[in-house]
Amino acid sequence: MRVFLAGLLLVSGLQVTALHAQEGGPSVGARAPVVEVPDLNGKPVDLGQYLGKRPVFLEWWATWCEQCEALLPRVRAARAQVGDRVAFFGINVAVNQSPERVRRFLEKTEVPYQTLYDHEGVSTRAYAAPATSYVVIVDRNGRIAYTGTGGDQDFLPALQRVAAP
């Protein structure tokens, strides 16, 4: 009976881990998906121009996202620290958003990244983004070095690591 219960607990633990990994997007160490996402003017931006060539910071965000707003000062500070050694992209998820609404937001709010507008959800699906405020940091080899969500993420150590010469 003890062996059966131990086995059941082990299997249950594996299932929880598998579900958690599925909910969190691609795993650290996995190759970052290459996608094309338009900017606010509809011009396609091919992330393949960056992935595997230089470090990349990606954040899925929305104007209404409180966690994104809380995270913004950390992203600004990180950008100031690593500068142009990392390509920064903010991917607007376009849920209850329009390009005009995003533009109005950007007129009032300084963001430290190039803004993309994922109205078709291409990047959201490719990265299995579980929520807004989702951050993915990709190293210069195109491998995911960090993933996280929430307004209090501590992504700076991973960002410094990938930005190091």
Protein backbone atom coordinates (compact mmCIF):
# COMPACT_ATOMS: atom_id res chain seq x y z
CA MET A 1 0.00 0.00 0.00
CA ARG A 2 2.84 2.42 0.83
CA VAL A 3 4.47 1.74 -2.53
CA PHE A 4 1.17 2.43 -4.27
CA LEU A 5 0.67 5.73 -2.40
CA ALA A 6 4.27 6.78 -3.04
CA GLY A 7 3.84 6.01 -6.72
CA LEU A 8 0.57 7.94 -6.83
CA LEU A 9 2.21 10.96 -5.19
CA LEU A 10 5.11 10.76 -7.63
CA VAL A 11 2.80 10.61 -10.64
CA SER A 12 0.66 13.43 -9.24
CA GLY A 13 3.77 15.56 -8.78
CA LEU A 14 4.85 14.92 -12.35
CA GLN A 15 1.46 15.89 -13.68
CA VAL A 16 1.44 19.13 -11.72
CA THR A 17 4.93 19.95 -13.00
CA ALA A 18 3.90 19.21 -16.57
CA LEU A 19 0.81 21.38 -16.30
CA HIS A 20 2.80 24.20 -14.70
CA ALA A 21 5.41 24.11 -17.45
CA GLN A 22 2.67 24.16 -20.08
CA GLU A 23 1.07 27.20 -18.50
CA GLY A 24 4.37 29.10 -18.38
CA GLY A 25 5.27 29.05 -22.05
CA PRO A 26 8.50 27.68 -23.52
CA SER A 27 11.11 26.32 -21.14
CA VAL A 28 14.33 28.06 -20.26
CA GLY A 29 16.97 26.64 -22.61
CA ALA A 30 14.50 26.04 -25.45
CA ARG A 31 15.01 27.72 -28.81
CA ALA A 32 12.94 30.91 -29.01
CA PRO A 33 10.20 30.80 -31.64
CA VAL A 34 10.82 33.07 -34.62
CA VAL A 35 7.71 35.03 -35.52
CA GLU A 36 6.76 38.11 -37.49
CA VAL A 37 4.63 40.69 -35.66
CA PRO A 38 3.48 44.03 -37.07
CA ASP A 39 4.30 47.35 -35.49
CA LEU A 40 1.56 49.91 -34.79
CA ASN A 41 1.62 51.01 -38.43
CA GLY A 42 1.09 47.45 -39.69
CA LYS A 43 4.68 47.07 -40.91
CA PRO A 44 5.89 43.50 -40.23
CA VAL A 45 8.79 43.10 -37.81
CA ASP A 46 10.63 39.79 -38.24
CA LEU A 47 12.04 38.78 -34.86
CA GLY A 48 14.29 36.40 -36.80
CA GLN A 49 16.43 39.45 -37.61
CA TYR A 50 17.37 39.53 -33.91
CA LEU A 51 16.91 36.05 -32.44
CA GLY A 52 20.11 34.05 -32.59
CA LYS A 53 22.11 37.17 -33.40
CA ARG A 54 21.80 39.30 -30.28
CA PRO A 55 20.03 39.19 -26.91
CA VAL A 56 16.33 40.03 -26.98
CA PHE A 57 13.88 41.17 -24.30
CA LEU A 58 10.17 40.54 -25.02
CA GLU A 59 7.22 41.65 -22.91
CA TRP A 60 3.57 40.94 -23.70
CA TRP A 61 1.59 43.91 -22.38
CA ALA A 62 -1.62 45.93 -22.63
CA THR A 63 -2.54 49.50 -21.74
CA TRP A 64 -5.03 48.21 -19.13
CA CYS A 65 -2.57 45.78 -17.46
CA GLU A 66 -1.80 46.83 -13.87
CA GLN A 67 1.05 44.30 -13.60
CA CYS A 68 2.60 45.77 -16.76
CA GLU A 69 2.37 49.24 -15.26
CA ALA A 70 4.06 48.02 -12.07
CA LEU A 71 6.79 46.33 -14.14
CA LEU A 72 7.49 49.35 -16.34
CA PRO A 73 10.00 51.09 -13.99
CA ARG A 74 12.05 47.87 -13.79
CA VAL A 75 12.05 47.55 -17.58
CA ARG A 76 13.12 51.19 -17.95
CA ALA A 77 15.94 50.73 -15.43
CA ALA A 78 17.07 47.52 -17.10
CA ARG A 79 17.10 49.17 -20.51
CA ALA A 80 19.15 52.06 -19.12
CA GLN A 81 21.64 49.57 -17.69
CA VAL A 82 22.14 47.29 -20.71
CA GLY A 83 21.46 49.90 -23.37
CA ASP A 84 21.63 48.78 -26.98
CA ARG A 85 23.32 45.46 -26.17
CA VAL A 86 19.80 43.99 -25.99
CA ALA A 87 16.90 44.48 -28.44
CA PHE A 88 13.77 45.42 -26.45
CA PHE A 89 10.27 44.71 -27.78
CA GLY A 90 6.93 45.35 -26.10
CA ILE A 91 4.28 43.20 -27.74
CA ASN A 92 0.82 44.64 -27.25
CA VAL A 93 -1.64 41.76 -27.05
CA ALA A 94 -4.42 43.83 -28.67
CA VAL A 95 -7.12 42.48 -26.34
CA ASN A 96 -9.59 45.36 -25.89
CA GLN A 97 -7.00 47.52 -27.65
CA SER A 98 -6.87 49.40 -30.90
CA PRO A 99 -3.78 50.87 -32.51
CA GLU A 100 -5.20 54.33 -31.71
CA ARG A 101 -5.65 53.48 -28.03
CA VAL A 102 -2.09 52.16 -27.85
CA ARG A 103 -0.77 55.29 -29.59
CA ARG A 104 -2.61 57.53 -27.11
CA PHE A 105 -1.10 55.53 -24.25
CA LEU A 106 2.39 55.84 -25.75
CA GLU A 107 1.98 59.63 -26.11
CA LYS A 108 1.60 59.84 -22.31
CA THR A 109 3.87 57.01 -21.23
CA GLU A 110 7.55 56.53 -22.00
CA VAL A 111 8.23 52.90 -22.87
CA PRO A 112 11.75 51.51 -23.26
CA TYR A 113 11.04 49.21 -26.18
CA GLN A 114 9.87 49.07 -29.76
CA THR A 115 6.13 48.52 -29.66
CA LEU A 116 4.61 45.70 -31.70
CA TYR A 117 0.87 45.10 -32.11
CA ASP A 118 -0.03 41.40 -32.12
CA HIS A 119 -3.65 41.74 -33.28
CA GLU A 120 -3.63 38.20 -34.70
CA GLY A 121 -2.05 36.60 -31.60
CA VAL A 122 0.83 35.08 -33.58
CA SER A 123 3.51 35.72 -30.95
CA THR A 124 1.13 35.06 -28.09
CA ARG A 125 0.45 31.56 -29.43
CA ALA A 126 4.05 30.86 -30.44
CA TYR A 127 5.32 31.71 -26.96
CA ALA A 128 2.24 30.37 -25.15
CA ALA A 129 2.11 33.68 -23.27
CA PRO A 130 0.10 32.90 -20.14
CA ALA A 131 -0.75 36.52 -19.26
CA THR A 132 0.12 40.12 -19.87
CA SER A 133 3.33 41.20 -18.11
CA TYR A 134 4.89 38.00 -19.50
CA VAL A 135 8.61 38.53 -20.06
CA VAL A 136 10.93 36.34 -22.14
CA ILE A 137 14.65 37.02 -22.35
CA VAL A 138 16.53 35.32 -25.17
CA ASP A 139 20.31 34.97 -25.31
CA ARG A 140 22.45 35.73 -28.36
CA ASN A 141 22.25 32.07 -29.44
CA GLY A 142 18.45 32.21 -29.67
CA ARG A 143 17.85 30.22 -26.47
CA ILE A 144 15.39 31.32 -23.81
CA ALA A 145 17.28 32.47 -20.71
CA TYR A 146 14.34 33.71 -18.60
CA THR A 147 10.54 33.69 -18.45
CA GLY A 148 8.23 35.24 -15.88
CA THR A 149 5.02 37.14 -15.22
CA GLY A 150 3.96 39.82 -12.79
CA GLY A 151 4.89 43.31 -11.78
CA ASP A 152 7.65 42.34 -9.36
CA GLN A 153 9.81 40.12 -11.57
CA ASP A 154 13.54 40.03 -10.91
CA PHE A 155 14.73 39.53 -14.49
CA LEU A 156 17.75 41.84 -14.23
CA PRO A 157 20.34 39.12 -13.40
CA ALA A 158 19.28 37.11 -16.48
CA LEU A 159 19.32 40.23 -18.63
CA GLN A 160 22.80 41.20 -17.41
CA ARG A 161 24.04 37.68 -18.12
CA VAL A 162 22.81 37.66 -21.73
CA ALA A 163 24.02 41.24 -22.32
CA ALA A 164 27.57 40.54 -21.09
CA PRO A 165 30.19 40.78 -23.84
